[in-house]
Amino acid sequence: MRALRFIDLFAGLGGFHMALESLGHSCVFACERDEDLAALYEKNFGLRPHLDIRTLDLGEVPEHDVLCAGFPCQPFSKAGGQQGLDCPQWGDLIDYVIRILRTKKPQFFIIENVPNLVRHNHGQTWRKILHRLRLAGYSVDDGMLSPHQFGVPQIRERAFIVGRRNGLEGFSWPEPRSDSNLSIHKVLDKNPSEARRLPEVFVEYLEAWQEFLDLFPADEQLPSFPIWAMEFGATYPFEEMSPRGAGFDSISGFKGAFGKSLHGLDEPGVLAALPAYARSSQDAFPKWKRDFIRQNRELYRRHKNWIDGWLPRIRKFAPSFQKFEWNCKGEERSIWNYVIQFRASGIRVKRPVTAPSLVAMTTSQVPVIAWERRYMTARECSRLQSMGELRHLPTAQTSAFKALGNAVNVDVVREVASNLLTETNCSNRAELLPIIRKRPTSAELNPAA
């Protein structure tokens, strides 16, 4: 089919650019607010993005066939404030996307965001956006896709929204493909020299939890629920009422984290003695939290005889590292065989089949390759986003991991675009826009190379 012209909004590292260009299409305009990423985009693709979309004169936007946008997800993410369209910083960005659609009338659009975009506020946020996209003249469909469904070893579900003027007949979402050989090893280098080593204190965390695994009875399955060690010895009320709901004066006969007595403590003292997750201002805990507390207390009751001897090893750890998730059911009980992520919710151990979902990470959240006692490198993480061929990444590790966490996955976008931008789907338009721009060669982009 004939090449199409596309624009790349909230462009980041250029995942949409890489995907559509690989299908033979040409980027004629990009927009990226981060000045460092905009400069990097120009370095990689030879096109300088406009900076803030809010300052964009629509006359600056060339005519195009496809609009691509991965606008910031913080207003809709479960990890963010979930203010949705009311978010003062990012909530209005969809307005600018729709304004371009209404003014320029490209034949297609592809939007990527977190899954919670379509679930936010019980679906009301998505229904408002959908209504406005339809008023702009588009038939719209949404789907959930993850890189692991297309041979990339990362589970990272994202919402994709596609639109086309004059109907979506002939479009179908790409079919996921099972891959029994899926392995994180396909994106890893062997002991790369630039890799950041695992600090000794983190090795200590893992060695302590390895001792827990060694002590756990071999004839019993390891818990599938998160292990919250702070519940070992705790007796504070949680089933009907939270400690706050029950009243701090009435729980002085109970015990807080690790069995610390609450007797004689004032309110600040009680709060300090409780696990952080039990200091809720709500009168009652949600069901999931009650379940985890109950399961951990039962675990302690059954294994108190050996847990009490082990517990001093982790009591000095930060609260996040007093929690542990074993996602390797039935596998050998050796932490050093697996992929690890240090999260606010605890230490998570995963099979080396897929990497944890890349998010806009701090360097401490980057997946750990335990058998080499190191963090993944930015280049390895770029392969998880199908960006391994990207010539230039941010030089600072923190910036690189943040940008990769915010990026769209190139292979997934390519799958969606391949199904949407077909000859059949384009045939309703009498004449596609002519291509007026050629991407420069590598030699042109890097004359000193």
Protein backbone atom coordinates (compact mmCIF):
# COMPACT_ATOMS: atom_id res chain seq x y z
CA MET A 1 0.00 0.00 0.00
CA ARG A 2 1.04 3.63 -0.41
CA ALA A 3 2.99 5.23 2.43
CA LEU A 4 1.06 7.41 4.87
CA ARG A 5 2.02 10.56 6.73
CA PHE A 6 1.74 10.48 10.53
CA ILE A 7 2.27 12.79 13.49
CA ASP A 8 3.73 11.70 16.82
CA LEU A 9 2.28 13.51 19.87
CA PHE A 10 3.82 13.17 23.35
CA ALA A 11 6.55 11.43 21.41
CA GLY A 12 8.97 10.46 24.20
CA LEU A 13 11.62 8.11 22.84
CA GLY A 14 9.72 7.69 19.57
CA GLY A 15 8.03 4.29 19.89
CA PHE A 16 5.22 5.26 17.53
CA HIS A 17 7.78 6.67 15.11
CA MET A 18 9.79 3.45 15.07
CA ALA A 19 6.70 1.28 14.62
CA LEU A 20 5.03 3.20 11.79
CA GLU A 21 8.28 3.95 9.99
CA SER A 22 9.06 0.22 9.98
CA LEU A 23 5.81 -0.22 8.04
CA GLY A 24 6.93 2.29 5.43
CA HIS A 25 5.12 5.39 6.71
CA SER A 26 6.64 8.85 7.23
CA CYS A 27 6.56 11.12 10.29
CA VAL A 28 5.88 14.75 9.35
CA PHE A 29 5.48 16.29 12.83
CA ALA A 30 6.28 15.45 16.46
CA CYS A 31 5.58 17.05 19.82
CA GLU A 32 7.45 16.37 23.08
CA ARG A 33 7.50 18.68 26.10
CA ASP A 34 10.69 17.34 27.71
CA GLU A 35 13.52 19.34 26.14
CA ASP A 36 16.11 16.60 26.63
CA LEU A 37 13.88 13.98 25.03
CA ALA A 38 13.02 16.38 22.20
CA ALA A 39 16.73 16.86 21.48
CA LEU A 40 17.25 13.09 21.61
CA TYR A 41 14.31 12.57 19.23
CA GLU A 42 15.93 14.91 16.74
CA LYS A 43 19.21 13.06 17.14
CA ASN A 44 17.56 9.69 16.47
CA PHE A 45 15.09 10.67 13.75
CA GLY A 46 16.25 13.94 12.24
CA LEU A 47 13.04 15.75 13.21
CA ARG A 48 12.90 18.43 15.90
CA PRO A 49 9.68 18.12 17.94
CA HIS A 50 7.55 21.08 18.94
CA LEU A 51 7.74 21.35 22.73
CA ASP A 52 4.55 22.02 24.70
CA ILE A 53 1.38 20.99 22.87
CA ARG A 54 -0.49 23.72 24.77
CA THR A 55 1.45 26.38 22.87
CA LEU A 56 0.87 24.75 19.50
CA ASP A 57 -0.66 26.79 16.70
CA LEU A 58 -2.72 24.27 14.72
CA GLY A 59 -1.46 25.91 11.57
CA GLU A 60 1.96 24.45 12.39
CA VAL A 61 0.62 20.90 12.16
CA PRO A 62 1.05 19.51 8.63
CA GLU A 63 -1.72 17.60 6.91
CA HIS A 64 -1.44 13.95 7.85
CA ASP A 65 -3.19 10.58 7.54
CA VAL A 66 -2.52 9.14 11.01
CA LEU A 67 -2.39 10.77 14.46
CA CYS A 68 -0.44 8.86 17.10
CA ALA A 69 -0.55 9.85 20.77
CA GLY A 70 0.62 8.35 24.05
CA PHE A 71 -0.37 11.20 26.34
CA PRO A 72 0.75 11.13 30.00
CA CYS A 73 -0.98 8.42 32.01
CA GLN A 74 -0.60 9.82 35.53
CA PRO A 75 -4.20 11.15 35.79
CA PHE A 76 -5.58 7.66 35.07
CA SER A 77 -2.93 5.32 36.50
CA LYS A 78 -3.71 3.40 39.69
CA ALA A 79 -0.25 4.45 40.84
CA GLY A 80 -1.13 8.12 40.41
CA GLY A 81 -3.69 10.44 41.94
CA GLN A 82 -6.45 9.20 39.60
CA GLN A 83 -7.82 12.71 39.12
CA GLY A 84 -8.63 11.86 35.54
CA LEU A 85 -9.75 14.75 33.34
CA ASP A 86 -9.70 17.00 36.42
CA CYS A 87 -5.95 16.61 36.89
CA PRO A 88 -4.62 20.20 36.74
CA GLN A 89 -1.28 19.15 35.22
CA TRP A 90 -2.22 16.51 32.62
CA GLY A 91 -5.99 16.06 32.56
CA ASP A 92 -6.63 18.45 29.66
CA LEU A 93 -4.10 16.94 27.21
CA ILE A 94 -6.73 14.81 25.48
CA ASP A 95 -8.44 18.13 24.58
CA TYR A 96 -5.49 19.07 22.37
CA VAL A 97 -5.50 15.68 20.67
CA ILE A 98 -9.21 16.01 19.87
CA ARG A 99 -8.71 19.58 18.67
CA ILE A 100 -6.16 18.38 16.11
CA LEU A 101 -8.47 15.55 15.04
CA ARG A 102 -11.38 17.96 14.54
CA THR A 103 -9.25 20.49 12.63
CA LYS A 104 -6.97 18.30 10.50
CA LYS A 105 -9.31 15.32 10.09
CA PRO A 106 -6.67 12.59 9.61
CA GLN A 107 -8.14 9.32 8.43
CA PHE A 108 -6.83 7.32 11.43
CA PHE A 109 -5.64 7.71 14.99
CA ILE A 110 -3.88 5.37 17.43
CA ILE A 111 -3.77 6.24 21.15
CA GLU A 112 -1.98 4.30 23.91
CA ASN A 113 -2.44 4.65 27.67
CA VAL A 114 -2.70 2.67 30.90
CA PRO A 115 -5.58 0.15 31.15
CA ASN A 116 -7.20 2.25 33.86
CA LEU A 117 -7.97 4.96 31.28
CA VAL A 118 -11.02 2.95 30.19
CA ARG A 119 -11.85 1.86 33.76
CA HIS A 120 -11.31 5.18 35.56
CA ASN A 121 -14.29 6.44 37.57
CA HIS A 122 -16.27 3.28 36.74
CA GLY A 123 -15.81 3.93 33.02
CA GLN A 124 -17.32 7.41 33.06
CA THR A 125 -14.05 9.11 32.05
CA TRP A 126 -13.67 6.85 29.02
CA ARG A 127 -17.32 7.33 27.99
CA LYS A 128 -16.78 11.12 27.96
CA ILE A 129 -13.65 10.77 25.82
CA LEU A 130 -15.34 8.25 23.52
CA HIS A 131 -18.31 10.59 22.99
CA ARG A 132 -15.99 13.43 22.02
CA LEU A 133 -13.97 11.24 19.62
CA ARG A 134 -17.19 10.21 17.91
CA LEU A 135 -18.34 13.81 17.66
CA ALA A 136 -15.02 14.55 15.95
CA GLY A 137 -16.08 12.14 13.20
CA TYR A 138 -14.47 8.83 14.15
CA SER A 139 -15.55 5.27 14.64
CA VAL A 140 -13.64 4.08 17.72
CA ASP A 141 -12.60 0.79 19.28
CA ASP A 142 -10.40 -0.07 22.28
CA GLY A 143 -8.44 -3.15 23.25
CA MET A 144 -5.93 -4.37 25.84
CA LEU A 145 -2.60 -5.74 24.65
CA SER A 146 0.73 -6.69 26.25
CA PRO A 147 4.19 -7.25 24.72
CA HIS A 148 4.37 -10.84 26.00
CA GLN A 149 1.50 -11.70 23.65
CA PHE A 150 3.79 -10.95 20.71
CA GLY A 151 7.04 -12.61 21.73
CA VAL A 152 8.51 -9.84 23.91
CA PRO A 153 9.36 -11.03 27.47
CA GLN A 154 7.48 -8.34 29.37
CA ILE A 155 3.96 -8.42 30.79
CA ARG A 156 2.75 -4.83 30.44
CA GLU A 157 -0.92 -4.52 29.59
CA ARG A 158 -1.86 -1.25 27.92
CA ALA A 159 -5.04 0.22 26.49
CA PHE A 160 -4.96 0.91 22.77
CA ILE A 161 -7.63 3.07 21.18
CA VAL A 162 -7.99 3.23 17.42
CA GLY A 163 -10.20 5.41 15.28
CA ARG A 164 -11.02 5.80 11.63
CA ARG A 165 -13.26 8.16 9.73
CA ASN A 166 -16.07 6.43 7.82
CA GLY A 167 -16.14 3.30 9.97
CA LEU A 168 -13.83 0.54 11.22
CA GLU A 169 -15.06 -2.20 8.90
CA GLY A 170 -12.20 -4.57 8.13
CA PHE A 171 -10.27 -3.79 11.30
CA SER A 172 -9.61 -6.48 13.90
CA TRP A 173 -7.27 -6.50 16.87
CA PRO A 174 -4.09 -8.53 16.39
CA GLU A 175 -4.34 -12.07 17.69
CA PRO A 176 -2.00 -12.85 20.61
CA ARG A 177 0.50 -15.60 19.90
CA SER A 178 1.55 -18.16 22.48
CA ASP A 179 5.30 -18.64 22.82
CA SER A 180 6.53 -21.54 24.91
CA ASN A 181 10.10 -20.28 24.50
CA LEU A 182 9.42 -16.84 25.95
CA SER A 183 12.42 -15.94 28.11
CA ILE A 184 13.98 -12.80 29.51
CA HIS A 185 17.34 -14.23 28.42
CA LYS A 186 16.59 -13.10 24.85
CA VAL A 187 17.00 -9.43 25.86
CA LEU A 188 19.95 -9.86 28.27
CA ASP A 189 23.66 -9.37 27.78
CA LYS A 190 26.03 -11.58 29.76
CA ASN A 191 27.57 -9.66 32.68
CA PRO A 192 27.56 -6.29 30.87
CA SER A 193 30.29 -4.02 32.16
CA GLU A 194 27.95 -1.00 32.43
CA ALA A 195 25.47 -2.82 34.68
CA ARG A 196 24.93 -1.42 38.17
CA ARG A 197 25.83 -4.01 40.79
CA LEU A 198 23.39 -4.97 43.51
CA PRO A 199 24.38 -3.08 46.70
CA GLU A 200 25.48 -5.19 49.65
CA VAL A 201 22.50 -4.12 51.75
CA PHE A 202 20.16 -5.47 49.05
CA VAL A 203 22.13 -8.70 48.94
CA GLU A 204 21.54 -8.87 52.70
CA TYR A 205 17.78 -8.52 52.17
CA LEU A 206 17.79 -11.38 49.71
CA GLU A 207 20.00 -13.60 51.85
CA ALA A 208 17.60 -13.15 54.77
CA TRP A 209 14.59 -14.13 52.67
CA GLN A 210 16.56 -17.04 51.18
CA GLU A 211 16.97 -18.30 54.74
CA PHE A 212 13.18 -18.07 55.13
CA LEU A 213 12.79 -20.26 52.02
CA ASP A 214 15.36 -22.73 53.33
CA LEU A 215 13.55 -23.02 56.68
CA PHE A 216 10.10 -23.38 55.16
CA PRO A 217 8.94 -27.04 55.20
CA ALA A 218 9.85 -28.72 51.92
CA ASP A 219 6.57 -30.67 51.81
CA GLU A 220 4.43 -27.53 51.93
CA GLN A 221 3.76 -25.08 49.09
CA LEU A 222 5.14 -21.59 49.62
CA PRO A 223 2.42 -18.96 50.08
CA SER A 224 0.98 -17.45 46.91
CA PHE A 225 -0.13 -14.37 48.87
CA PRO A 226 2.34 -11.60 49.80
CA ILE A 227 4.20 -12.39 53.02
CA TRP A 228 3.87 -9.49 55.46
CA ALA A 229 6.34 -10.28 58.25
CA MET A 230 4.98 -7.42 60.38
CA GLU A 231 1.92 -9.59 61.03
CA PHE A 232 4.03 -12.25 62.73
CA GLY A 233 3.02 -11.78 66.37
CA ALA A 234 0.45 -9.01 65.70
CA THR A 235 -3.04 -9.30 67.26
CA TYR A 236 -4.60 -5.83 66.67
CA PRO A 237 -8.24 -5.96 65.41
CA PHE A 238 -8.75 -6.03 61.64
CA GLU A 239 -11.78 -8.15 60.69
CA GLU A 240 -14.74 -5.94 61.57
CA MET A 241 -12.99 -2.68 62.35
CA SER A 242 -9.58 -1.16 61.70
CA PRO A 243 -7.58 -0.08 64.78
CA ARG A 244 -8.77 3.47 64.20
CA GLY A 245 -12.35 2.32 63.78
CA ALA A 246 -12.15 0.28 66.98
CA GLY A 247 -10.67 3.26 68.84
CA PHE A 248 -7.10 3.49 70.05
CA ASP A 249 -8.22 3.52 73.69
CA SER A 250 -9.89 0.15 73.29
CA ILE A 251 -6.98 -1.78 71.75
CA SER A 252 -4.34 -1.32 74.44
CA GLY A 253 -4.51 -5.04 75.23
CA PHE A 254 -3.49 -6.00 71.69
CA LYS A 255 -0.16 -6.21 69.90
CA GLY A 256 1.13 -4.32 66.88
CA ALA A 257 3.81 -5.15 64.32
CA PHE A 258 6.06 -8.07 65.30
CA GLY A 259 4.06 -8.51 68.53
CA LYS A 260 4.89 -5.10 70.04
CA SER A 261 2.56 -4.42 72.98
CA LEU A 262 0.18 -1.45 72.59
CA HIS A 263 -0.36 -1.19 76.34
CA GLY A 264 0.12 2.30 77.74
CA LEU A 265 0.81 3.95 74.39
CA ASP A 266 -0.78 7.26 73.37
CA GLU A 267 -2.25 7.66 69.87
CA PRO A 268 1.07 8.54 68.16
CA GLY A 269 2.69 5.61 69.94
CA VAL A 270 -0.03 3.19 68.82
CA LEU A 271 0.27 4.39 65.24
CA ALA A 272 4.04 3.97 65.33
CA ALA A 273 3.66 0.42 66.67
CA LEU A 274 1.23 -0.63 63.92
CA PRO A 275 2.31 -1.65 60.40
CA ALA A 276 2.06 1.32 58.03
CA TYR A 277 -0.78 -0.32 56.09
CA ALA A 278 -2.81 -0.66 59.33
CA ARG A 279 -2.78 3.07 60.12
CA SER A 280 -5.72 3.67 57.82
CA SER A 281 -8.05 6.55 58.56
CA GLN A 282 -10.95 4.35 57.46
CA ASP A 283 -13.05 2.56 60.05
CA ALA A 284 -12.72 -0.76 58.23
CA PHE A 285 -10.12 -2.36 55.95
CA PRO A 286 -10.98 -3.45 52.39
CA LYS A 287 -11.47 -7.19 51.89
CA TRP A 288 -8.14 -7.76 50.15
CA LYS A 289 -6.24 -6.29 53.11
CA ARG A 290 -8.23 -8.31 55.64
CA ASP A 291 -7.48 -11.45 53.63
CA PHE A 292 -3.73 -10.79 53.55
CA ILE A 293 -3.59 -10.05 57.29
CA ARG A 294 -5.58 -13.19 58.10
CA GLN A 295 -3.43 -15.38 55.84
CA ASN A 296 -0.19 -14.07 57.33
CA ARG A 297 -1.33 -14.58 60.92
CA GLU A 298 -2.36 -18.13 60.10
CA LEU A 299 1.02 -18.69 58.44
CA TYR A 300 2.74 -17.51 61.62
CA ARG A 301 0.52 -19.67 63.84
CA ARG A 302 1.50 -22.80 61.91
CA HIS A 303 5.23 -22.03 61.70
CA LYS A 304 5.91 -20.00 64.83
CA ASN A 305 8.47 -22.51 66.09
CA TRP A 306 11.02 -21.62 63.39
CA ILE A 307 9.82 -18.15 62.32
CA ASP A 308 10.58 -16.70 65.77
CA GLY A 309 14.23 -17.67 65.42
CA TRP A 310 14.45 -16.17 61.92
CA LEU A 311 12.49 -12.97 62.53
CA PRO A 312 15.32 -10.88 64.10
CA ARG A 313 17.14 -11.01 60.75
CA ILE A 314 14.64 -8.71 59.05
CA ARG A 315 13.31 -6.52 61.88
CA LYS A 316 15.88 -3.83 61.10
CA PHE A 317 14.94 -3.74 57.41
CA ALA A 318 12.89 -0.92 55.91
CA PRO A 319 9.17 -1.86 55.88
CA SER A 320 9.11 -2.46 52.11
CA PHE A 321 11.73 -5.18 52.47
CA GLN A 322 9.84 -6.89 55.31
CA LYS A 323 7.36 -7.95 52.63
CA PHE A 324 8.00 -10.72 50.14
CA GLU A 325 6.20 -12.15 47.10
CA TRP A 326 7.16 -15.53 45.67
CA ASN A 327 5.79 -15.82 42.11
CA CYS A 328 7.60 -19.06 41.27
CA LYS A 329 5.15 -21.71 42.44
CA GLY A 330 6.58 -25.20 42.16
CA GLU A 331 10.05 -24.00 41.17
CA GLU A 332 13.37 -24.51 42.97
CA ARG A 333 13.47 -22.38 46.12
CA SER A 334 16.54 -20.38 45.24
CA ILE A 335 16.14 -16.62 44.98
CA TRP A 336 19.35 -16.42 42.95
CA ASN A 337 17.76 -18.22 39.97
CA TYR A 338 15.17 -15.57 39.27
CA VAL A 339 14.32 -11.99 38.35
CA ILE A 340 13.70 -9.69 41.31
CA GLN A 341 12.13 -6.29 41.74
CA PHE A 342 12.39 -4.17 44.86
CA ARG A 343 9.03 -2.44 45.13
CA ALA A 344 7.25 -0.29 47.69
CA SER A 345 4.88 -3.25 48.12
CA GLY A 346 7.73 -5.65 48.83
CA ILE A 347 10.44 -7.80 47.27
CA ARG A 348 8.95 -9.64 44.30
CA VAL A 349 10.58 -12.78 42.86
CA LYS A 350 9.56 -13.85 39.34
CA ARG A 351 10.47 -16.64 36.95
CA PRO A 352 12.97 -15.55 34.26
CA VAL A 353 10.26 -15.85 31.62
CA THR A 354 9.07 -12.26 31.57
CA ALA A 355 10.34 -9.07 33.16
CA PRO A 356 8.21 -7.01 35.52
CA SER A 357 6.22 -4.31 33.77
CA LEU A 358 8.40 -1.33 32.95
CA VAL A 359 7.02 1.79 34.55
CA ALA A 360 8.50 5.27 34.92
CA MET A 361 10.96 3.74 37.35
CA THR A 362 13.41 5.03 39.83
CA THR A 363 16.71 3.23 39.48
CA SER A 364 15.91 1.15 42.59
CA GLN A 365 12.85 -0.37 40.85
CA VAL A 366 14.76 -1.62 37.82
CA PRO A 367 14.54 -5.45 37.55
CA VAL A 368 17.42 -7.35 39.15
CA ILE A 369 19.09 -10.27 37.39
CA ALA A 370 19.72 -12.26 40.54
CA TRP A 371 22.09 -14.89 39.10
CA GLU A 372 24.47 -12.06 38.14
CA ARG A 373 23.64 -9.91 41.20
CA ARG A 374 23.04 -6.81 39.09
CA TYR A 375 20.33 -4.55 37.74
CA MET A 376 19.20 -4.67 34.12
CA THR A 377 20.86 -2.07 31.94
CA ALA A 378 19.03 0.66 30.07
CA ARG A 379 19.87 -1.05 26.77
CA GLU A 380 18.39 -4.34 28.00
CA CYS A 381 15.25 -2.50 29.14
CA SER A 382 15.05 -0.85 25.72
CA ARG A 383 14.73 -4.32 24.22
CA LEU A 384 11.76 -4.96 26.52
CA GLN A 385 10.13 -2.00 24.77
CA SER A 386 11.22 -3.38 21.37
CA MET A 387 13.55 -0.37 21.07
CA GLY A 388 16.80 -2.29 20.90
CA GLU A 389 17.61 -0.70 17.54
CA LEU A 390 17.23 2.85 18.87
CA ARG A 391 20.64 4.43 18.35
CA HIS A 392 20.62 6.94 21.21
CA LEU A 393 19.17 6.66 24.73
CA PRO A 394 19.37 9.24 27.54
CA THR A 395 22.87 9.16 28.99
CA ALA A 396 21.75 9.47 32.63
CA GLN A 397 20.43 6.16 33.96
CA THR A 398 17.58 7.77 35.87
CA SER A 399 16.39 9.60 32.75
CA ALA A 400 16.76 6.50 30.59
CA PHE A 401 14.70 4.27 32.87
CA LYS A 402 12.03 6.92 33.28
CA ALA A 403 11.75 7.43 29.53
CA LEU A 404 11.62 3.70 28.85
CA GLY A 405 8.94 3.26 31.51
CA ASN A 406 6.84 5.91 29.77
CA ALA A 407 7.46 4.57 26.25
CA VAL A 408 5.08 2.66 24.03
CA ASN A 409 6.17 -0.82 22.97
CA VAL A 410 7.22 -0.72 19.33
CA ASP A 411 6.22 -4.30 18.46
CA VAL A 412 2.74 -3.92 19.93
CA VAL A 413 2.14 -0.62 18.10
CA ARG A 414 3.36 -2.24 14.89
CA GLU A 415 0.87 -5.09 15.31
CA VAL A 416 -2.01 -2.67 15.84
CA ALA A 417 -0.96 -0.36 13.01
CA SER A 418 -0.52 -3.28 10.60
CA ASN A 419 -4.15 -4.25 11.11
CA LEU A 420 -5.50 -0.71 11.02
CA LEU A 421 -3.53 0.86 8.18
CA THR A 422 -4.33 -1.74 5.53
CA GLU A 423 -5.00 -1.17 1.85
CA THR A 424 -8.64 -2.06 2.46
CA ASN A 425 -9.05 0.39 5.33
CA CYS A 426 -7.39 3.15 3.33
CA SER A 427 -9.46 2.55 0.19
CA ASN A 428 -12.37 4.73 1.34
CA ARG A 429 -10.20 7.81 0.94
CA ALA A 430 -9.98 9.03 -2.64
CA GLU A 431 -6.40 10.21 -2.42
CA LEU A 432 -3.85 9.76 0.32
CA LEU A 433 -1.64 12.68 1.17
CA PRO A 434 1.65 12.79 -0.73
CA ILE A 435 4.87 12.09 1.11
CA ILE A 436 7.00 15.22 1.17
CA ARG A 437 9.69 14.23 3.64
CA LYS A 438 12.35 11.56 3.52
CA ARG A 439 14.04 10.31 6.69
CA PRO A 440 17.76 11.10 6.62
CA THR A 441 20.27 8.29 6.45
CA SER A 442 22.43 7.24 9.40
CA ALA A 443 25.36 9.01 7.79
CA GLU A 444 23.35 12.22 7.58
CA LEU A 445 22.27 11.93 11.21
CA ASN A 446 25.76 11.05 12.45
CA PRO A 447 28.30 12.64 10.09
CA ALA A 448 31.14 12.00 12.57
CA ALA A 449 30.36 8.29 12.95
